[in-house]
């Protein structure tokens, strides 16, 4: 079983409109509402691909109730802990030309609810193969929250995938998660410099490997991914595709692909290829099936050794 953790879930309201006119009345052509938060997104994809998954998280107030209702309607296995603060709501504006504007609220959680959550997670970990920690931390929690959860998973010898950013991400590295998946911007933030070329990414990744992180996958957006584990390093170049609707969720689909590949015992390169193919397929809008993933894998280009000095 794979457990995903979403400490800062959100009710995502996606508003479609022909064109956004700032400062003026705008009318939507369509509105969709879904349960959001990176861990929930990952769990949704894992379930769709047949994996046994449990989505755990913290929800509160009337928005939390709506989140639970939507998750239940989807048939997504979940264990959600109530918090005294209302869960957040995010707005995503998508125009006809595919331009996206996001307005994300900052969530808040009380520490007491987090302690209850930790105990419930402790109960579930003995039956887990993998723990996925995704997304931002809400206000009210310590910056070491992810670090604490990784240490808890380590007690039960459960591998962790970490996909976060900022100080919570930096602190969590001290607990040596099994695999981290920063995107290029998150890695730049961690390094304290703008990383614009693959050799620069390689240099920063090497330093992280020397600190004890076993596996690192850096998502490079439409360029693909760079992955390294101390023995191997590869640049996986994705094919040019047409974005069907939105790129939101591409990183979550890559995390889901990494988790599935780990669960199935794939070797390092195959794991990276599977995850990159799944993420590329996701943004293309094609159906997520093993057959389509395999076709996309065959379209990937893999490089090792000397990497091109081209701007990312």
C-alpha atoms as a PDB file:
ATOM      1  CA  UNK A   1       0.000   0.000   0.000  1.00  0.00           C
ATOM      2  CA  UNK A   2       1.085   3.572  -0.745  1.00  0.00           C
ATOM      3  CA  UNK A   3       0.138   6.333   1.691  1.00  0.00           C
ATOM      4  CA  UNK A   4      -0.048   9.915   0.455  1.00  0.00           C
ATOM      5  CA  UNK A   5      -0.039  12.810   2.916  1.00  0.00           C
ATOM      6  CA  UNK A   6      -1.717  16.168   2.254  1.00  0.00           C
ATOM      7  CA  UNK A   7      -1.378  18.471   5.238  1.00  0.00           C
ATOM      8  CA  UNK A   8      -2.699  21.498   3.332  1.00  0.00           C
ATOM      9  CA  UNK A   9      -5.542  20.263   1.074  1.00  0.00           C
ATOM     10  CA  UNK A  10      -7.737  22.650  -0.855  1.00  0.00           C
ATOM     11  CA  UNK A  11     -11.035  22.867  -2.624  1.00  0.00           C
ATOM     12  CA  UNK A  12      -9.916  23.718  -6.163  1.00  0.00           C
ATOM     13  CA  UNK A  13     -12.368  25.849  -8.122  1.00  0.00           C
ATOM     14  CA  UNK A  14     -11.385  25.877 -11.805  1.00  0.00           C
ATOM     15  CA  UNK A  15     -12.977  28.699 -13.790  1.00  0.00           C
ATOM     16  CA  UNK A  16     -12.831  28.672 -17.588  1.00  0.00           C
ATOM     17  CA  UNK A  17     -13.267  31.914 -19.518  1.00  0.00           C
ATOM     18  CA  UNK A  18     -12.521  33.215 -22.985  1.00  0.00           C
ATOM     19  CA  UNK A  19     -10.146  35.924 -21.800  1.00  0.00           C
ATOM     20  CA  UNK A  20      -9.323  37.471 -18.445  1.00  0.00           C
ATOM     21  CA  UNK A  21      -9.893  41.230 -18.300  1.00  0.00           C
ATOM     22  CA  UNK A  22      -8.305  42.535 -15.058  1.00  0.00           C
ATOM     23  CA  UNK A  23     -10.293  45.239 -13.313  1.00  0.00           C
ATOM     24  CA  UNK A  24     -13.454  44.468 -15.292  1.00  0.00           C
ATOM     25  CA  UNK A  25     -16.428  42.134 -15.113  1.00  0.00           C
ATOM     26  CA  UNK A  26     -15.519  38.637 -16.339  1.00  0.00           C
ATOM     27  CA  UNK A  27     -18.018  35.884 -17.121  1.00  0.00           C
ATOM     28  CA  UNK A  28     -17.062  32.236 -16.963  1.00  0.00           C
ATOM     29  CA  UNK A  29     -17.949  29.689 -19.611  1.00  0.00           C
ATOM     30  CA  UNK A  30     -17.562  26.721 -17.264  1.00  0.00           C
ATOM     31  CA  UNK A  31     -16.723  26.026 -13.623  1.00  0.00           C
ATOM     32  CA  UNK A  32     -15.384  22.782 -12.146  1.00  0.00           C
ATOM     33  CA  UNK A  33     -14.767  21.932  -8.501  1.00  0.00           C
ATOM     34  CA  UNK A  34     -12.473  19.191  -7.244  1.00  0.00           C
ATOM     35  CA  UNK A  35     -10.596  18.068  -4.174  1.00  0.00           C
ATOM     36  CA  UNK A  36      -7.076  19.413  -4.456  1.00  0.00           C
ATOM     37  CA  UNK A  37      -3.738  19.337  -2.723  1.00  0.00           C
ATOM     38  CA  UNK A  38      -0.703  17.571  -4.138  1.00  0.00           C
ATOM     39  CA  UNK A  39      -1.029  14.374  -2.102  1.00  0.00           C
ATOM     40  CA  UNK A  40      -4.689  13.979  -3.062  1.00  0.00           C
ATOM     41  CA  UNK A  41      -3.801  14.515  -6.724  1.00  0.00           C
ATOM     42  CA  UNK A  42      -1.114  11.829  -6.484  1.00  0.00           C
ATOM     43  CA  UNK A  43      -3.487   9.401  -4.764  1.00  0.00           C
ATOM     44  CA  UNK A  44      -6.108   9.957  -7.480  1.00  0.00           C
ATOM     45  CA  UNK A  45      -3.642   8.996 -10.231  1.00  0.00           C
ATOM     46  CA  UNK A  46      -2.331   5.991  -8.297  1.00  0.00           C
ATOM     47  CA  UNK A  47      -5.871   4.678  -7.833  1.00  0.00           C
ATOM     48  CA  UNK A  48      -6.639   5.196 -11.535  1.00  0.00           C
ATOM     49  CA  UNK A  49      -3.617   3.042 -12.411  1.00  0.00           C
ATOM     50  CA  UNK A  50      -4.685   0.243 -10.075  1.00  0.00           C
ATOM     51  CA  UNK A  51      -2.431   0.822  -7.079  1.00  0.00           C
ATOM     52  CA  UNK A  52      -3.629   0.280  -3.509  1.00  0.00           C
ATOM     53  CA  UNK A  53      -3.491   3.740  -1.982  1.00  0.00           C
ATOM     54  CA  UNK A  54      -4.620   5.604   1.121  1.00  0.00           C
ATOM     55  CA  UNK A  55      -4.909   9.406   1.079  1.00  0.00           C
ATOM     56  CA  UNK A  56      -4.311  10.873   4.524  1.00  0.00           C
ATOM     57  CA  UNK A  57      -4.634  14.521   5.458  1.00  0.00           C
ATOM     58  CA  UNK A  58      -6.088  17.283   7.595  1.00  0.00           C
ATOM     59  CA  UNK A  59      -9.398  18.983   6.768  1.00  0.00           C
ATOM     60  CA  UNK A  60     -11.593  21.465   8.594  1.00  0.00           C
ATOM     61  CA  UNK A  61     -14.817  23.474   8.510  1.00  0.00           C
ATOM     62  CA  UNK A  62     -17.420  23.577   5.756  1.00  0.00           C
ATOM     63  CA  UNK A  63     -14.779  23.405   3.023  1.00  0.00           C
ATOM     64  CA  UNK A  64     -13.274  20.353   4.735  1.00  0.00           C
ATOM     65  CA  UNK A  65     -16.712  18.723   4.727  1.00  0.00           C
ATOM     66  CA  UNK A  66     -17.043  19.421   1.000  1.00  0.00           C
ATOM     67  CA  UNK A  67     -13.587  17.973   0.413  1.00  0.00           C
ATOM     68  CA  UNK A  68     -14.538  14.779   2.247  1.00  0.00           C
ATOM     69  CA  UNK A  69     -17.755  14.566   0.238  1.00  0.00           C
ATOM     70  CA  UNK A  70     -15.954  14.884  -3.105  1.00  0.00           C
ATOM     71  CA  UNK A  71     -13.261  12.385  -2.114  1.00  0.00           C
ATOM     72  CA  UNK A  72     -15.945   9.909  -1.004  1.00  0.00           C
ATOM     73  CA  UNK A  73     -17.843  10.378  -4.291  1.00  0.00           C
ATOM     74  CA  UNK A  74     -14.645   9.611  -6.211  1.00  0.00           C
ATOM     75  CA  UNK A  75     -14.219   6.372  -4.296  1.00  0.00           C
ATOM     76  CA  UNK A  76     -10.744   7.417  -3.227  1.00  0.00           C
ATOM     77  CA  UNK A  77      -9.667   5.575  -0.048  1.00  0.00           C
ATOM     78  CA  UNK A  78      -8.934   8.261   2.534  1.00  0.00           C
ATOM     79  CA  UNK A  79      -8.356   8.817   6.233  1.00  0.00           C
ATOM     80  CA  UNK A  80      -8.837  12.488   7.067  1.00  0.00           C
ATOM     81  CA  UNK A  81      -8.305  14.103  10.469  1.00  0.00           C
ATOM     82  CA  UNK A  82     -10.476  17.073  11.475  1.00  0.00           C
ATOM     83  CA  UNK A  83      -8.782  20.346  12.371  1.00  0.00           C
ATOM     84  CA  UNK A  84     -10.459  23.346  13.973  1.00  0.00           C
ATOM     85  CA  UNK A  85      -9.538  25.698  11.108  1.00  0.00           C
ATOM     86  CA  UNK A  86     -11.412  25.898   7.803  1.00  0.00           C
ATOM     87  CA  UNK A  87      -9.586  24.264   4.884  1.00  0.00           C
ATOM     88  CA  UNK A  88      -8.476  26.560   2.090  1.00  0.00           C
ATOM     89  CA  UNK A  89     -10.006  27.221  -1.313  1.00  0.00           C
ATOM     90  CA  UNK A  90      -7.937  27.820  -4.452  1.00  0.00           C
ATOM     91  CA  UNK A  91      -9.064  29.560  -7.629  1.00  0.00           C
ATOM     92  CA  UNK A  92      -7.629  28.623 -11.025  1.00  0.00           C
ATOM     93  CA  UNK A  93      -8.530  30.760 -14.054  1.00  0.00           C
ATOM     94  CA  UNK A  94      -7.991  29.113 -17.430  1.00  0.00           C
ATOM     95  CA  UNK A  95      -8.375  31.169 -20.594  1.00  0.00           C
ATOM     96  CA  UNK A  96      -9.053  29.951 -24.113  1.00  0.00           C
ATOM     97  CA  UNK A  97      -5.411  30.542 -25.070  1.00  0.00           C
ATOM     98  CA  UNK A  98      -4.403  28.126 -22.226  1.00  0.00           C
ATOM     99  CA  UNK A  99      -2.997  30.890 -20.030  1.00  0.00           C
ATOM    100  CA  UNK A 100      -3.497  29.999 -16.372  1.00  0.00           C
ATOM    101  CA  UNK A 101      -3.855  32.303 -13.384  1.00  0.00           C
ATOM    102  CA  UNK A 102      -3.817  30.758  -9.919  1.00  0.00           C
ATOM    103  CA  UNK A 103      -4.991  32.329  -6.667  1.00  0.00           C
ATOM    104  CA  UNK A 104      -4.032  30.050  -3.791  1.00  0.00           C
ATOM    105  CA  UNK A 105      -5.048  30.660  -0.207  1.00  0.00           C
ATOM    106  CA  UNK A 106      -2.744  29.879   2.702  1.00  0.00           C
ATOM    107  CA  UNK A 107      -4.145  27.122   4.898  1.00  0.00           C
ATOM    108  CA  UNK A 108      -3.987  26.908   8.666  1.00  0.00           C
ATOM    109  CA  UNK A 109      -3.888  23.869  10.995  1.00  0.00           C
ATOM    110  CA  UNK A 110      -3.652  23.549  14.757  1.00  0.00           C
ATOM    111  CA  UNK A 111      -0.744  21.625  16.239  1.00  0.00           C
ATOM    112  CA  UNK A 112      -3.064  19.392  18.302  1.00  0.00           C
ATOM    113  CA  UNK A 113      -4.681  18.025  15.134  1.00  0.00           C
ATOM    114  CA  UNK A 114      -1.247  17.347  13.660  1.00  0.00           C
ATOM    115  CA  UNK A 115      -0.282  15.292  16.727  1.00  0.00           C
ATOM    116  CA  UNK A 116      -3.465  13.225  16.288  1.00  0.00           C
ATOM    117  CA  UNK A 117      -2.573  12.826  12.616  1.00  0.00           C
ATOM    118  CA  UNK A 118       0.916  11.563  13.490  1.00  0.00           C
ATOM    119  CA  UNK A 119      -0.525   8.874  15.756  1.00  0.00           C
ATOM    120  CA  UNK A 120      -2.974   7.739  13.081  1.00  0.00           C
ATOM    121  CA  UNK A 121      -0.137   7.628  10.555  1.00  0.00           C
ATOM    122  CA  UNK A 122       1.885   5.526  13.003  1.00  0.00           C
ATOM    123  CA  UNK A 123      -0.996   3.031  13.032  1.00  0.00           C
ATOM    124  CA  UNK A 124      -1.074   2.836   9.225  1.00  0.00           C
ATOM    125  CA  UNK A 125       2.677   2.666   8.492  1.00  0.00           C
ATOM    126  CA  UNK A 126       3.182  -1.035   9.338  1.00  0.00           C
ATOM    127  CA  UNK A 127       0.984  -1.911   6.343  1.00  0.00           C
ATOM    128  CA  UNK A 128       2.637   0.569   3.952  1.00  0.00           C
ATOM    129  CA  UNK A 129       5.349   0.112   1.337  1.00  0.00           C
ATOM    130  CA  UNK A 130       5.800   3.781   0.579  1.00  0.00           C
ATOM    131  CA  UNK A 131       4.969   7.184   2.087  1.00  0.00           C
ATOM    132  CA  UNK A 132       4.528  10.246  -0.138  1.00  0.00           C
ATOM    133  CA  UNK A 133       4.797  13.720   1.398  1.00  0.00           C
ATOM    134  CA  UNK A 134       3.583  16.381  -1.012  1.00  0.00           C
ATOM    135  CA  UNK A 135       2.854  20.061  -1.075  1.00  0.00           C
ATOM    136  CA  UNK A 136       3.135  23.083   1.170  1.00  0.00           C
ATOM    137  CA  UNK A 137       2.746  23.198   4.919  1.00  0.00           C
ATOM    138  CA  UNK A 138      -0.165  25.166   6.397  1.00  0.00           C
ATOM    139  CA  UNK A 139       0.334  27.885   8.979  1.00  0.00           C
ATOM    140  CA  UNK A 140       0.303  26.565  12.523  1.00  0.00           C
ATOM    141  CA  UNK A 141       2.679  23.679  11.868  1.00  0.00           C
ATOM    142  CA  UNK A 142       6.374  23.605  12.609  1.00  0.00           C
ATOM    143  CA  UNK A 143       8.742  23.899   9.645  1.00  0.00           C
ATOM    144  CA  UNK A 144      10.072  20.506  10.782  1.00  0.00           C
ATOM    145  CA  UNK A 145       6.704  18.753  10.229  1.00  0.00           C
ATOM    146  CA  UNK A 146       7.856  16.800   7.169  1.00  0.00           C
ATOM    147  CA  UNK A 147      11.124  15.991   8.890  1.00  0.00           C
ATOM    148  CA  UNK A 148       9.142  14.457  11.777  1.00  0.00           C
ATOM    149  CA  UNK A 149       7.016  12.347   9.413  1.00  0.00           C
ATOM    150  CA  UNK A 150      10.069  11.061   7.540  1.00  0.00           C
ATOM    151  CA  UNK A 151      11.685  10.064  10.833  1.00  0.00           C
ATOM    152  CA  UNK A 152       8.462   8.269  11.759  1.00  0.00           C
ATOM    153  CA  UNK A 153       8.469   6.383   8.458  1.00  0.00           C
ATOM    154  CA  UNK A 154      12.140   5.515   8.944  1.00  0.00           C
ATOM    155  CA  UNK A 155      11.222   3.821  12.236  1.00  0.00           C
ATOM    156  CA  UNK A 156       9.054   1.398  10.252  1.00  0.00           C
ATOM    157  CA  UNK A 157      11.536   1.129   7.367  1.00  0.00           C
ATOM    158  CA  UNK A 158       9.009   2.671   4.981  1.00  0.00           C
ATOM    159  CA  UNK A 159      10.556   4.531   2.036  1.00  0.00           C
ATOM    160  CA  UNK A 160       9.531   8.156   1.573  1.00  0.00           C
ATOM    161  CA  UNK A 161       9.116  10.355  -1.492  1.00  0.00           C
ATOM    162  CA  UNK A 162       9.305  14.070  -0.711  1.00  0.00           C
ATOM    163  CA  UNK A 163       7.854  16.708  -3.048  1.00  0.00           C
ATOM    164  CA  UNK A 164       7.818  20.095  -1.353  1.00  0.00           C
ATOM    165  CA  UNK A 165       9.612  23.428  -1.350  1.00  0.00           C
ATOM    166  CA  UNK A 166      11.090  26.165   0.812  1.00  0.00           C
ATOM    167  CA  UNK A 167      12.259  25.694   4.381  1.00  0.00           C
ATOM    168  CA  UNK A 168      10.009  22.648   5.107  1.00  0.00           C
ATOM    169  CA  UNK A 169      11.706  20.913   2.168  1.00  0.00           C
ATOM    170  CA  UNK A 170      15.176  21.989   3.278  1.00  0.00           C
ATOM    171  CA  UNK A 171      14.642  20.851   6.871  1.00  0.00           C
ATOM    172  CA  UNK A 172      13.153  17.531   5.741  1.00  0.00           C
ATOM    173  CA  UNK A 173      16.356  16.683   3.863  1.00  0.00           C
ATOM    174  CA  UNK A 174      18.044  16.250   7.259  1.00  0.00           C
ATOM    175  CA  UNK A 175      15.986  13.072   7.744  1.00  0.00           C
ATOM    176  CA  UNK A 176      17.239  11.678   4.413  1.00  0.00           C
ATOM    177  CA  UNK A 177      14.085  10.788   2.490  1.00  0.00           C
ATOM    178  CA  UNK A 178      14.532   7.908   0.047  1.00  0.00           C
ATOM    179  CA  UNK A 179      13.682  10.040  -2.983  1.00  0.00           C
ATOM    180  CA  UNK A 180      13.097  13.752  -3.587  1.00  0.00           C
ATOM    181  CA  UNK A 181      11.457  15.353  -6.619  1.00  0.00           C
ATOM    182  CA  UNK A 182      12.047  19.098  -6.735  1.00  0.00           C
ATOM    183  CA  UNK A 183      11.250  20.976  -9.909  1.00  0.00           C
ATOM    184  CA  UNK A 184      13.842  23.286 -11.413  1.00  0.00           C
ATOM    185  CA  UNK A 185      12.507  26.340  -9.544  1.00  0.00           C
ATOM    186  CA  UNK A 186      12.437  24.536  -6.189  1.00  0.00           C
ATOM    187  CA  UNK A 187      15.973  23.266  -6.705  1.00  0.00           C
ATOM    188  CA  UNK A 188      17.089  26.807  -7.599  1.00  0.00           C
ATOM    189  CA  UNK A 189      15.505  28.107  -4.399  1.00  0.00           C
ATOM    190  CA  UNK A 190      17.276  25.438  -2.371  1.00  0.00           C
ATOM    191  CA  UNK A 191      20.610  26.207  -4.051  1.00  0.00           C
ATOM    192  CA  UNK A 192      20.201  29.951  -3.649  1.00  0.00           C
ATOM    193  CA  UNK A 193      20.910  30.572  -7.332  1.00  0.00           C
ATOM    194  CA  UNK A 194      19.089  30.479 -10.650  1.00  0.00           C
ATOM    195  CA  UNK A 195      19.799  27.135 -12.330  1.00  0.00           C
ATOM    196  CA  UNK A 196      19.499  27.549 -16.087  1.00  0.00           C
ATOM    197  CA  UNK A 197      21.582  24.704 -17.504  1.00  0.00           C
ATOM    198  CA  UNK A 198      21.687  20.940 -16.945  1.00  0.00           C
ATOM    199  CA  UNK A 199      25.347  20.949 -15.772  1.00  0.00           C
ATOM    200  CA  UNK A 200      24.328  23.471 -13.077  1.00  0.00           C
ATOM    201  CA  UNK A 201      21.509  21.157 -11.993  1.00  0.00           C
ATOM    202  CA  UNK A 202      23.974  18.272 -11.977  1.00  0.00           C
ATOM    203  CA  UNK A 203      26.371  20.208  -9.723  1.00  0.00           C
ATOM    204  CA  UNK A 204      23.685  20.975  -7.119  1.00  0.00           C
ATOM    205  CA  UNK A 205      22.307  17.430  -7.226  1.00  0.00           C
ATOM    206  CA  UNK A 206      25.791  16.041  -6.579  1.00  0.00           C
ATOM    207  CA  UNK A 207      26.005  18.067  -3.367  1.00  0.00           C
ATOM    208  CA  UNK A 208      22.642  16.703  -2.208  1.00  0.00           C
ATOM    209  CA  UNK A 209      23.728  13.140  -2.932  1.00  0.00           C
ATOM    210  CA  UNK A 210      26.855  13.714  -0.853  1.00  0.00           C
ATOM    211  CA  UNK A 211      24.581  14.708   2.054  1.00  0.00           C
ATOM    212  CA  UNK A 212      22.936  11.291   2.012  1.00  0.00           C
ATOM    213  CA  UNK A 213      19.899  11.687  -0.255  1.00  0.00           C
ATOM    214  CA  UNK A 214      19.745   8.419  -2.195  1.00  0.00           C
ATOM    215  CA  UNK A 215      17.655   9.294  -5.248  1.00  0.00           C
ATOM    216  CA  UNK A 216      16.920  12.661  -6.855  1.00  0.00           C
ATOM    217  CA  UNK A 217      14.586  13.418  -9.746  1.00  0.00           C
ATOM    218  CA  UNK A 218      14.437  17.023 -10.941  1.00  0.00           C
ATOM    219  CA  UNK A 219      11.452  17.810 -13.140  1.00  0.00           C
ATOM    220  CA  UNK A 220      12.367  20.238 -15.910  1.00  0.00           C
ATOM    221  CA  UNK A 221       8.871  21.014 -17.159  1.00  0.00           C
ATOM    222  CA  UNK A 222       8.392  20.420 -20.876  1.00  0.00           C
ATOM    223  CA  UNK A 223      12.127  19.641 -21.164  1.00  0.00           C
ATOM    224  CA  UNK A 224      11.718  16.369 -19.223  1.00  0.00           C
ATOM    225  CA  UNK A 225      13.705  15.347 -16.148  1.00  0.00           C
ATOM    226  CA  UNK A 226      17.187  14.933 -14.736  1.00  0.00           C
ATOM    227  CA  UNK A 227      17.805  12.035 -12.361  1.00  0.00           C
ATOM    228  CA  UNK A 228      20.768  10.822 -10.340  1.00  0.00           C
ATOM    229  CA  UNK A 229      21.464   8.391  -7.513  1.00  0.00           C
ATOM    230  CA  UNK A 230      25.201   8.507  -6.925  1.00  0.00           C
ATOM    231  CA  UNK A 231      25.943   5.701  -9.387  1.00  0.00           C
ATOM    232  CA  UNK A 232      23.863   6.737 -12.394  1.00  0.00           C
ATOM    233  CA  UNK A 233      22.672  10.025 -13.846  1.00  0.00           C
ATOM    234  CA  UNK A 234      20.483  10.645 -16.864  1.00  0.00           C
ATOM    235  CA  UNK A 235      18.749  13.414 -18.737  1.00  0.00           C
ATOM    236  CA  UNK A 236      15.362  12.283 -20.025  1.00  0.00           C
ATOM    237  CA  UNK A 237      14.091  14.511 -22.807  1.00  0.00           C
ATOM    238  CA  UNK A 238      10.345  14.547 -23.357  1.00  0.00           C
ATOM    239  CA  UNK A 239       8.839  14.936 -26.841  1.00  0.00           C
ATOM    240  CA  UNK A 240       7.112  18.140 -27.892  1.00  0.00           C
ATOM    241  CA  UNK A 241       3.407  17.763 -27.226  1.00  0.00           C
ATOM    242  CA  UNK A 242       0.304  19.917 -27.298  1.00  0.00           C
ATOM    243  CA  UNK A 243      -0.971  20.750 -23.809  1.00  0.00           C
ATOM    244  CA  UNK A 244      -4.597  19.641 -23.830  1.00  0.00           C
ATOM    245  CA  UNK A 245      -5.963  21.704 -20.969  1.00  0.00           C
ATOM    246  CA  UNK A 246      -3.553  22.622 -18.186  1.00  0.00           C
ATOM    247  CA  UNK A 247      -0.099  21.766 -16.859  1.00  0.00           C
ATOM    248  CA  UNK A 248      -1.431  21.880 -13.278  1.00  0.00           C
ATOM    249  CA  UNK A 249      -0.862  18.440 -11.773  1.00  0.00           C
ATOM    250  CA  UNK A 250       2.041  17.469 -14.036  1.00  0.00           C
ATOM    251  CA  UNK A 251       4.433  17.284 -11.074  1.00  0.00           C
ATOM    252  CA  UNK A 252       1.932  15.216  -9.102  1.00  0.00           C
ATOM    253  CA  UNK A 253       1.606  12.764 -11.980  1.00  0.00           C
ATOM    254  CA  UNK A 254       5.399  12.422 -12.051  1.00  0.00           C
ATOM    255  CA  UNK A 255       5.399  11.633  -8.321  1.00  0.00           C
ATOM    256  CA  UNK A 256       2.676   9.032  -8.905  1.00  0.00           C
ATOM    257  CA  UNK A 257       4.797   7.489 -11.661  1.00  0.00           C
ATOM    258  CA  UNK A 258       7.845   7.331  -9.403  1.00  0.00           C
ATOM    259  CA  UNK A 259       5.785   5.672  -6.669  1.00  0.00           C
ATOM    260  CA  UNK A 260       4.320   3.077  -9.028  1.00  0.00           C
ATOM    261  CA  UNK A 261       7.737   2.303 -10.472  1.00  0.00           C
ATOM    262  CA  UNK A 262       9.229   1.882  -6.987  1.00  0.00           C
ATOM    263  CA  UNK A 263       6.347  -0.343  -5.946  1.00  0.00           C
ATOM    264  CA  UNK A 264       6.909  -2.521  -9.005  1.00  0.00           C
ATOM    265  CA  UNK A 265      10.661  -2.764  -8.448  1.00  0.00           C
ATOM    266  CA  UNK A 266      11.727  -0.918 -11.604  1.00  0.00           C
ATOM    267  CA  UNK A 267      15.400  -0.114 -12.011  1.00  0.00           C
ATOM    268  CA  UNK A 268      16.483   3.502 -11.654  1.00  0.00           C
ATOM    269  CA  UNK A 269      16.427   4.563 -15.317  1.00  0.00           C
ATOM    270  CA  UNK A 270      13.175   2.701 -15.989  1.00  0.00           C
ATOM    271  CA  UNK A 271      11.647   4.443 -12.984  1.00  0.00           C
ATOM    272  CA  UNK A 272      12.611   7.852 -14.379  1.00  0.00           C
ATOM    273  CA  UNK A 273      11.325   7.005 -17.840  1.00  0.00           C
ATOM    274  CA  UNK A 274       8.015   5.716 -16.528  1.00  0.00           C
ATOM    275  CA  UNK A 275       7.466   8.817 -14.382  1.00  0.00           C
ATOM    276  CA  UNK A 276       8.440  11.232 -17.169  1.00  0.00           C
ATOM    277  CA  UNK A 277       6.211   9.433 -19.663  1.00  0.00           C
ATOM    278  CA  UNK A 278       3.275   9.499 -17.240  1.00  0.00           C
ATOM    279  CA  UNK A 279       3.683  13.241 -16.598  1.00  0.00           C
ATOM    280  CA  UNK A 280       3.971  13.987 -20.329  1.00  0.00           C
ATOM    281  CA  UNK A 281       0.920  11.879 -21.079  1.00  0.00           C
ATOM    282  CA  UNK A 282      -1.005  13.634 -18.321  1.00  0.00           C
ATOM    283  CA  UNK A 283      -0.547  17.134 -19.762  1.00  0.00           C
ATOM    284  CA  UNK A 284      -1.292  15.863 -23.272  1.00  0.00           C
ATOM    285  CA  UNK A 285      -4.786  14.946 -22.107  1.00  0.00           C
ATOM    286  CA  UNK A 286      -4.531  11.367 -23.349  1.00  0.00           C
ATOM    287  CA  UNK A 287      -5.991   8.586 -21.253  1.00  0.00           C
ATOM    288  CA  UNK A 288      -3.679   7.282 -18.524  1.00  0.00           C
ATOM    289  CA  UNK A 289      -3.361   3.623 -19.481  1.00  0.00           C
ATOM    290  CA  UNK A 290      -0.345   1.340 -19.327  1.00  0.00           C
ATOM    291  CA  UNK A 291      -0.489   0.987 -23.106  1.00  0.00           C
ATOM    292  CA  UNK A 292      -0.365   4.767 -23.642  1.00  0.00           C
ATOM    293  CA  UNK A 293       2.396   5.146 -21.056  1.00  0.00           C
ATOM    294  CA  UNK A 294       4.463   2.525 -22.890  1.00  0.00           C
ATOM    295  CA  UNK A 295       3.982   4.361 -26.183  1.00  0.00           C
ATOM    296  CA  UNK A 296       5.120   7.592 -24.570  1.00  0.00           C
ATOM    297  CA  UNK A 297       8.162   5.876 -23.053  1.00  0.00           C
ATOM    298  CA  UNK A 298       9.209   4.892 -26.563  1.00  0.00           C
ATOM    299  CA  UNK A 299       9.152   8.575 -27.568  1.00  0.00           C
ATOM    300  CA  UNK A 300      11.546   9.675 -24.817  1.00  0.00           C
ATOM    301  CA  UNK A 301      15.199  10.448 -25.486  1.00  0.00           C
ATOM    302  CA  UNK A 302      17.741   9.410 -22.834  1.00  0.00           C
ATOM    303  CA  UNK A 303      21.200  10.928 -22.416  1.00  0.00           C
ATOM    304  CA  UNK A 304      23.974  10.097 -19.964  1.00  0.00           C
ATOM    305  CA  UNK A 305      27.555  11.213 -19.501  1.00  0.00           C
ATOM    306  CA  UNK A 306      28.149  14.724 -20.857  1.00  0.00           C
ATOM    307  CA  UNK A 307      24.978  16.782 -20.899  1.00  0.00           C
ATOM    308  CA  UNK A 308      24.240  19.630 -23.334  1.00  0.00           C
ATOM    309  CA  UNK A 309      24.865  23.177 -22.185  1.00  0.00           C
ATOM    310  CA  UNK A 310      21.530  24.470 -23.464  1.00  0.00           C
ATOM    311  CA  UNK A 311      19.293  26.852 -21.562  1.00  0.00           C
ATOM    312  CA  UNK A 312      16.451  25.091 -19.758  1.00  0.00           C
END
